[in-house]
Amino acid sequence: MKEAASYLVGEHDFRNFSQAQLERQNTVRVCFAADIEQVPNMSSMCVFSIKASGFLYHQIRLTMAILGKKILKG
């Protein structure tokens, strides 16, 4: 999951990571950092941190869904 999060870093078109009406909206964002760390003393809980120039509607929710599927598929 940590490796998959690293692919978010950089300038990307996050159009597919949003549920908003995007006809007139610029969907390119710059992701400065994305990381996942396990919460100490809680083996089943992680914290996802992301720093970016901006976010689209539901972008983080959809990103977490995709990263979660990466864990399940291995």
PDB file of N, CA and C in Angstrom:
ATOM      1  N   MET A   1       0.830  -1.179   0.000  1.00  0.00           N
ATOM      2  CA  MET A   1       0.000   0.000   0.000  1.00  0.00           C
ATOM      3  C   MET A   1       0.882   1.253   0.000  1.00  0.00           C
ATOM      4  N   LYS A   2       1.998   1.190   0.725  1.00  0.00           N
ATOM      5  CA  LYS A   2       2.934   2.303   0.774  1.00  0.00           C
ATOM      6  C   LYS A   2       3.516   2.576  -0.615  1.00  0.00           C
ATOM      7  N   GLU A   3       3.837   1.514  -1.331  1.00  0.00           N
ATOM      8  CA  GLU A   3       4.366   1.663  -2.693  1.00  0.00           C
ATOM      9  C   GLU A   3       3.302   2.270  -3.610  1.00  0.00           C
ATOM     10  N   ALA A   4       2.080   1.805  -3.500  1.00  0.00           N
ATOM     11  CA  ALA A   4       0.998   2.337  -4.337  1.00  0.00           C
ATOM     12  C   ALA A   4       0.772   3.817  -4.053  1.00  0.00           C
ATOM     13  N   ALA A   5       0.858   4.228  -2.795  1.00  0.00           N
ATOM     14  CA  ALA A   5       0.680   5.642  -2.435  1.00  0.00           C
ATOM     15  C   ALA A   5       1.776   6.504  -3.045  1.00  0.00           C
ATOM     16  N   SER A   6       2.963   5.962  -3.186  1.00  0.00           N
ATOM     17  CA  SER A   6       4.077   6.744  -3.740  1.00  0.00           C
ATOM     18  C   SER A   6       3.828   7.138  -5.199  1.00  0.00           C
ATOM     19  N   TYR A   7       3.014   6.381  -5.914  1.00  0.00           N
ATOM     20  CA  TYR A   7       2.702   6.708  -7.310  1.00  0.00           C
ATOM     21  C   TYR A   7       1.800   7.946  -7.440  1.00  0.00           C
ATOM     22  N   LEU A   8       1.198   8.369  -6.342  1.00  0.00           N
ATOM     23  CA  LEU A   8       0.354   9.565  -6.362  1.00  0.00           C
ATOM     24  C   LEU A   8       1.186  10.846  -6.395  1.00  0.00           C
ATOM     25  N   VAL A   9       2.432  10.773  -5.943  1.00  0.00           N
ATOM     26  CA  VAL A   9       3.284  11.958  -5.854  1.00  0.00           C
ATOM     27  C   VAL A   9       3.638  12.454  -7.258  1.00  0.00           C
ATOM     28  N   GLY A  10       3.523  13.768  -7.438  1.00  0.00           N
ATOM     29  CA  GLY A  10       3.810  14.392  -8.725  1.00  0.00           C
ATOM     30  C   GLY A  10       2.574  15.103  -9.254  1.00  0.00           C
ATOM     31  N   GLU A  11       2.668  15.607 -10.465  1.00  0.00           N
ATOM     32  CA  GLU A  11       1.545  16.297 -11.100  1.00  0.00           C
ATOM     33  C   GLU A  11       0.751  15.303 -11.934  1.00  0.00           C
ATOM     34  N   HIS A  12      -0.540  15.178 -11.628  1.00  0.00           N
ATOM     35  CA  HIS A  12      -1.393  14.206 -12.311  1.00  0.00           C
ATOM     36  C   HIS A  12      -2.776  14.803 -12.547  1.00  0.00           C
ATOM     37  N   ASP A  13      -3.472  14.250 -13.505  1.00  0.00           N
ATOM     38  CA  ASP A  13      -4.878  14.572 -13.722  1.00  0.00           C
ATOM     39  C   ASP A  13      -5.686  13.593 -12.884  1.00  0.00           C
ATOM     40  N   PHE A  14      -6.322  14.083 -11.835  1.00  0.00           N
ATOM     41  CA  PHE A  14      -7.062  13.230 -10.906  1.00  0.00           C
ATOM     42  C   PHE A  14      -8.550  13.159 -11.249  1.00  0.00           C
ATOM     43  N   ARG A  15      -8.898  13.356 -12.519  1.00  0.00           N
ATOM     44  CA  ARG A  15     -10.293  13.328 -12.964  1.00  0.00           C
ATOM     45  C   ARG A  15     -11.013  12.051 -12.512  1.00  0.00           C
ATOM     46  N   ASN A  16     -10.353  10.910 -12.587  1.00  0.00           N
ATOM     47  CA  ASN A  16     -10.987   9.637 -12.235  1.00  0.00           C
ATOM     48  C   ASN A  16     -11.059   9.403 -10.730  1.00  0.00           C
ATOM     49  N   PHE A  17     -10.534  10.346  -9.949  1.00  0.00           N
ATOM     50  CA  PHE A  17     -10.581  10.244  -8.500  1.00  0.00           C
ATOM     51  C   PHE A  17     -11.616  11.204  -7.926  1.00  0.00           C
ATOM     52  N   SER A  18     -12.594  11.608  -8.712  1.00  0.00           N
ATOM     53  CA  SER A  18     -13.603  12.550  -8.250  1.00  0.00           C
ATOM     54  C   SER A  18     -14.986  12.149  -8.750  1.00  0.00           C
ATOM     55  N   GLN A  19     -15.999  12.545  -7.977  1.00  0.00           N
ATOM     56  CA  GLN A  19     -17.379  12.273  -8.379  1.00  0.00           C
ATOM     57  C   GLN A  19     -18.112  13.551  -8.766  1.00  0.00           C
ATOM     58  N   ALA A  20     -17.392  14.644  -8.871  1.00  0.00           N
ATOM     59  CA  ALA A  20     -18.017  15.937  -9.172  1.00  0.00           C
ATOM     60  C   ALA A  20     -18.252  16.100 -10.668  1.00  0.00           C
ATOM     61  N   GLN A  21     -19.076  17.084 -11.002  1.00  0.00           N
ATOM     62  CA  GLN A  21     -19.255  17.467 -12.399  1.00  0.00           C
ATOM     63  C   GLN A  21     -18.003  18.239 -12.809  1.00  0.00           C
ATOM     64  N   LEU A  22     -17.238  17.712 -13.741  1.00  0.00           N
ATOM     65  CA  LEU A  22     -15.905  18.245 -14.010  1.00  0.00           C
ATOM     66  C   LEU A  22     -15.761  18.944 -15.354  1.00  0.00           C
ATOM     67  N   GLU A  23     -16.850  19.278 -16.009  1.00  0.00           N
ATOM     68  CA  GLU A  23     -16.755  19.850 -17.352  1.00  0.00           C
ATOM     69  C   GLU A  23     -15.898  21.105 -17.391  1.00  0.00           C
ATOM     70  N   ARG A  24     -16.066  21.992 -16.413  1.00  0.00           N
ATOM     71  CA  ARG A  24     -15.371  23.283 -16.432  1.00  0.00           C
ATOM     72  C   ARG A  24     -14.307  23.398 -15.346  1.00  0.00           C
ATOM     73  N   GLN A  25     -13.918  22.300 -14.762  1.00  0.00           N
ATOM     74  CA  GLN A  25     -12.961  22.345 -13.661  1.00  0.00           C
ATOM     75  C   GLN A  25     -11.627  21.736 -14.080  1.00  0.00           C
ATOM     76  N   ASN A  26     -10.553  22.405 -13.732  1.00  0.00           N
ATOM     77  CA  ASN A  26      -9.228  21.852 -13.964  1.00  0.00           C
ATOM     78  C   ASN A  26      -8.997  20.730 -12.948  1.00  0.00           C
ATOM     79  N   THR A  27      -8.715  19.537 -13.398  1.00  0.00           N
ATOM     80  CA  THR A  27      -8.566  18.391 -12.506  1.00  0.00           C
ATOM     81  C   THR A  27      -7.110  17.998 -12.284  1.00  0.00           C
ATOM     82  N   VAL A  28      -6.192  18.819 -12.770  1.00  0.00           N
ATOM     83  CA  VAL A  28      -4.765  18.551 -12.553  1.00  0.00           C
ATOM     84  C   VAL A  28      -4.379  19.099 -11.182  1.00  0.00           C
ATOM     85  N   ARG A  29      -3.746  18.262 -10.384  1.00  0.00           N
ATOM     86  CA  ARG A  29      -3.276  18.646  -9.059  1.00  0.00           C
ATOM     87  C   ARG A  29      -1.836  18.163  -8.897  1.00  0.00           C
ATOM     88  N   VAL A  30      -1.109  18.823  -8.012  1.00  0.00           N
ATOM     89  CA  VAL A  30       0.253  18.412  -7.678  1.00  0.00           C
ATOM     90  C   VAL A  30       0.218  17.794  -6.285  1.00  0.00           C
ATOM     91  N   CYS A  31       0.632  16.549  -6.202  1.00  0.00           N
ATOM     92  CA  CYS A  31       0.725  15.853  -4.922  1.00  0.00           C
ATOM     93  C   CYS A  31       2.186  15.924  -4.474  1.00  0.00           C
ATOM     94  N   PHE A  32       2.426  16.580  -3.347  1.00  0.00           N
ATOM     95  CA  PHE A  32       3.785  16.764  -2.848  1.00  0.00           C
ATOM     96  C   PHE A  32       4.279  15.564  -2.051  1.00  0.00           C
ATOM     97  N   ALA A  33       3.372  14.897  -1.333  1.00  0.00           N
ATOM     98  CA  ALA A  33       3.749  13.742  -0.517  1.00  0.00           C
ATOM     99  C   ALA A  33       2.519  12.894  -0.235  1.00  0.00           C
ATOM    100  N   ALA A  34       2.720  11.586  -0.192  1.00  0.00           N
ATOM    101  CA  ALA A  34       1.651  10.649   0.170  1.00  0.00           C
ATOM    102  C   ALA A  34       2.303   9.487   0.906  1.00  0.00           C
ATOM    103  N   ASP A  35       1.804   9.196   2.101  1.00  0.00           N
ATOM    104  CA  ASP A  35       2.438   8.155   2.903  1.00  0.00           C
ATOM    105  C   ASP A  35       1.392   7.452   3.760  1.00  0.00           C
ATOM    106  N   ILE A  36       1.676   6.223   4.075  1.00  0.00           N
ATOM    107  CA  ILE A  36       0.815   5.417   4.941  1.00  0.00           C
ATOM    108  C   ILE A  36       1.691   4.833   6.031  1.00  0.00           C
ATOM    109  N   GLU A  37       1.241   5.003   7.267  1.00  0.00           N
ATOM    110  CA  GLU A  37       2.003   4.469   8.397  1.00  0.00           C
ATOM    111  C   GLU A  37       1.064   3.752   9.347  1.00  0.00           C
ATOM    112  N   GLN A  38       1.563   2.689   9.932  1.00  0.00           N
ATOM    113  CA  GLN A  38       0.790   1.920  10.897  1.00  0.00           C
ATOM    114  C   GLN A  38       0.755   2.671  12.221  1.00  0.00           C
ATOM    115  N   VAL A  39      -0.398   2.667  12.867  1.00  0.00           N
ATOM    116  CA  VAL A  39      -0.554   3.308  14.172  1.00  0.00           C
ATOM    117  C   VAL A  39       0.136   2.415  15.206  1.00  0.00           C
ATOM    118  N   PRO A  40       1.035   2.996  16.008  1.00  0.00           N
ATOM    119  CA  PRO A  40       1.724   2.184  17.024  1.00  0.00           C
ATOM    120  C   PRO A  40       0.731   1.484  17.953  1.00  0.00           C
ATOM    121  N   ASN A  41       1.019   0.247  18.272  1.00  0.00           N
ATOM    122  CA  ASN A  41       0.213  -0.583  19.183  1.00  0.00           C
ATOM    123  C   ASN A  41      -1.183  -0.906  18.648  1.00  0.00           C
ATOM    124  N   MET A  42      -1.424  -0.667  17.367  1.00  0.00           N
ATOM    125  CA  MET A  42      -2.713  -1.016  16.756  1.00  0.00           C
ATOM    126  C   MET A  42      -2.418  -1.615  15.388  1.00  0.00           C
ATOM    127  N   SER A  43      -2.229  -2.898  15.327  1.00  0.00           N
ATOM    128  CA  SER A  43      -1.762  -3.555  14.105  1.00  0.00           C
ATOM    129  C   SER A  43      -2.729  -3.454  12.926  1.00  0.00           C
ATOM    130  N   SER A  44      -4.013  -3.204  13.183  1.00  0.00           N
ATOM    131  CA  SER A  44      -4.972  -3.166  12.084  1.00  0.00           C
ATOM    132  C   SER A  44      -5.376  -1.752  11.681  1.00  0.00           C
ATOM    133  N   MET A  45      -4.675  -0.730  12.205  1.00  0.00           N
ATOM    134  CA  MET A  45      -5.046   0.637  11.876  1.00  0.00           C
ATOM    135  C   MET A  45      -3.854   1.381  11.280  1.00  0.00           C
ATOM    136  N   CYS A  46      -4.142   2.135  10.200  1.00  0.00           N
ATOM    137  CA  CYS A  46      -3.110   2.923   9.532  1.00  0.00           C
ATOM    138  C   CYS A  46      -3.580   4.360   9.378  1.00  0.00           C
ATOM    139  N   VAL A  47      -2.622   5.247   9.175  1.00  0.00           N
ATOM    140  CA  VAL A  47      -2.906   6.663   8.924  1.00  0.00           C
ATOM    141  C   VAL A  47      -2.381   6.999   7.535  1.00  0.00           C
ATOM    142  N   PHE A  48      -3.229   7.616   6.728  1.00  0.00           N
ATOM    143  CA  PHE A  48      -2.849   8.047   5.390  1.00  0.00           C
ATOM    144  C   PHE A  48      -2.653   9.550   5.420  1.00  0.00           C
ATOM    145  N   SER A  49      -1.475  10.006   5.026  1.00  0.00           N
ATOM    146  CA  SER A  49      -1.172  11.442   4.984  1.00  0.00           C
ATOM    147  C   SER A  49      -0.905  11.837   3.548  1.00  0.00           C
ATOM    148  N   ILE A  50      -1.505  12.947   3.128  1.00  0.00           N
ATOM    149  CA  ILE A  50      -1.286  13.434   1.768  1.00  0.00           C
ATOM    150  C   ILE A  50      -1.218  14.964   1.798  1.00  0.00           C
ATOM    151  N   LYS A  51      -0.251  15.499   1.068  1.00  0.00           N
ATOM    152  CA  LYS A  51      -0.102  16.947   0.921  1.00  0.00           C
ATOM    153  C   LYS A  51      -0.155  17.246  -0.562  1.00  0.00           C
ATOM    154  N   ALA A  52      -1.042  18.156  -0.943  1.00  0.00           N
ATOM    155  CA  ALA A  52      -1.231  18.451  -2.361  1.00  0.00           C
ATOM    156  C   ALA A  52      -1.624  19.914  -2.557  1.00  0.00           C
ATOM    157  N   SER A  53      -1.591  20.337  -3.807  1.00  0.00           N
ATOM    158  CA  SER A  53      -1.956  21.712  -4.148  1.00  0.00           C
ATOM    159  C   SER A  53      -3.456  21.959  -4.026  1.00  0.00           C
ATOM    160  N   GLY A  54      -4.238  20.919  -3.976  1.00  0.00           N
ATOM    161  CA  GLY A  54      -5.687  21.015  -3.836  1.00  0.00           C
ATOM    162  C   GLY A  54      -6.305  19.640  -4.007  1.00  0.00           C
ATOM    163  N   PHE A  55      -7.581  19.538  -3.700  1.00  0.00           N
ATOM    164  CA  PHE A  55      -8.268  18.260  -3.784  1.00  0.00           C
ATOM    165  C   PHE A  55      -9.597  18.421  -4.511  1.00  0.00           C
ATOM    166  N   LEU A  56     -10.007  17.371  -5.182  1.00  0.00           N
ATOM    167  CA  LEU A  56     -11.299  17.326  -5.858  1.00  0.00           C
ATOM    168  C   LEU A  56     -12.333  16.705  -4.922  1.00  0.00           C
ATOM    169  N   TYR A  57     -13.603  16.889  -5.270  1.00  0.00           N
ATOM    170  CA  TYR A  57     -14.692  16.339  -4.470  1.00  0.00           C
ATOM    171  C   TYR A  57     -14.575  14.817  -4.380  1.00  0.00           C
ATOM    172  N   HIS A  58     -14.474  14.279  -3.184  1.00  0.00           N
ATOM    173  CA  HIS A  58     -14.368  12.841  -2.890  1.00  0.00           C
ATOM    174  C   HIS A  58     -13.042  12.231  -3.343  1.00  0.00           C
ATOM    175  N   GLN A  59     -12.056  13.047  -3.669  1.00  0.00           N
ATOM    176  CA  GLN A  59     -10.776  12.514  -4.155  1.00  0.00           C
ATOM    177  C   GLN A  59     -10.107  11.597  -3.123  1.00  0.00           C
ATOM    178  N   ILE A  60     -10.068  11.999  -1.882  1.00  0.00           N
ATOM    179  CA  ILE A  60      -9.388  11.200  -0.863  1.00  0.00           C
ATOM    180  C   ILE A  60     -10.185   9.926  -0.579  1.00  0.00           C
ATOM    181  N   ARG A  61     -11.484  10.026  -0.535  1.00  0.00           N
ATOM    182  CA  ARG A  61     -12.324   8.834  -0.313  1.00  0.00           C
ATOM    183  C   ARG A  61     -12.091   7.784  -1.401  1.00  0.00           C
ATOM    184  N   LEU A  62     -12.059   8.226  -2.647  1.00  0.00           N
ATOM    185  CA  LEU A  62     -11.841   7.293  -3.755  1.00  0.00           C
ATOM    186  C   LEU A  62     -10.402   6.782  -3.794  1.00  0.00           C
ATOM    187  N   THR A  63      -9.461   7.626  -3.417  1.00  0.00           N
ATOM    188  CA  THR A  63      -8.059   7.193  -3.347  1.00  0.00           C
ATOM    189  C   THR A  63      -7.901   6.087  -2.317  1.00  0.00           C
ATOM    190  N   MET A  64      -8.517   6.236  -1.158  1.00  0.00           N
ATOM    191  CA  MET A  64      -8.419   5.210  -0.118  1.00  0.00           C
ATOM    192  C   MET A  64      -9.091   3.910  -0.562  1.00  0.00           C
ATOM    193  N   ALA A  65     -10.176   4.006  -1.301  1.00  0.00           N
ATOM    194  CA  ALA A  65     -10.826   2.801  -1.813  1.00  0.00           C
ATOM    195  C   ALA A  65      -9.902   2.048  -2.755  1.00  0.00           C
ATOM    196  N   ILE A  66      -9.209   2.784  -3.605  1.00  0.00           N
ATOM    197  CA  ILE A  66      -8.292   2.151  -4.559  1.00  0.00           C
ATOM    198  C   ILE A  66      -7.083   1.550  -3.831  1.00  0.00           C
ATOM    199  N   LEU A  67      -6.524   2.275  -2.884  1.00  0.00           N
ATOM    200  CA  LEU A  67      -5.379   1.752  -2.130  1.00  0.00           C
ATOM    201  C   LEU A  67      -5.788   0.530  -1.307  1.00  0.00           C
ATOM    202  N   GLY A  68      -7.002   0.536  -0.777  1.00  0.00           N
ATOM    203  CA  GLY A  68      -7.498  -0.617  -0.031  1.00  0.00           C
ATOM    204  C   GLY A  68      -7.639  -1.850  -0.894  1.00  0.00           C
ATOM    205  N   LYS A  69      -8.057  -1.666  -2.136  1.00  0.00           N
ATOM    206  CA  LYS A  69      -8.159  -2.797  -3.071  1.00  0.00           C
ATOM    207  C   LYS A  69      -6.780  -3.361  -3.373  1.00  0.00           C
ATOM    208  N   LYS A  70      -5.766  -2.502  -3.376  1.00  0.00           N
ATOM    209  CA  LYS A  70      -4.382  -2.934  -3.611  1.00  0.00           C
ATOM    210  C   LYS A  70      -3.964  -3.905  -2.509  1.00  0.00           C
ATOM    211  N   ILE A  71      -4.373  -3.640  -1.258  1.00  0.00           N
ATOM    212  CA  ILE A  71      -4.034  -4.521  -0.159  1.00  0.00           C
ATOM    213  C   ILE A  71      -4.741  -5.866  -0.312  1.00  0.00           C
ATOM    214  N   LEU A  72      -6.019  -5.827  -0.648  1.00  0.00           N
ATOM    215  CA  LEU A  72      -6.791  -7.072  -0.749  1.00  0.00           C
ATOM    216  C   LEU A  72      -6.304  -7.959  -1.882  1.00  0.00           C
ATOM    217  N   LYS A  73      -5.883  -7.343  -2.998  1.00  0.00           N
ATOM    218  CA  LYS A  73      -5.412  -8.135  -4.133  1.00  0.00           C
ATOM    219  C   LYS A  73      -3.978  -8.581  -3.962  1.00  0.00           C
ATOM    220  N   GLY A  74      -3.230  -7.853  -3.135  1.00  0.00           N
ATOM    221  CA  GLY A  74      -1.841  -8.206  -2.848  1.00  0.00           C
ATOM    222  C   GLY A  74      -0.930  -7.635  -3.793  1.00  0.00           C
TER     223      GLY A  74
END
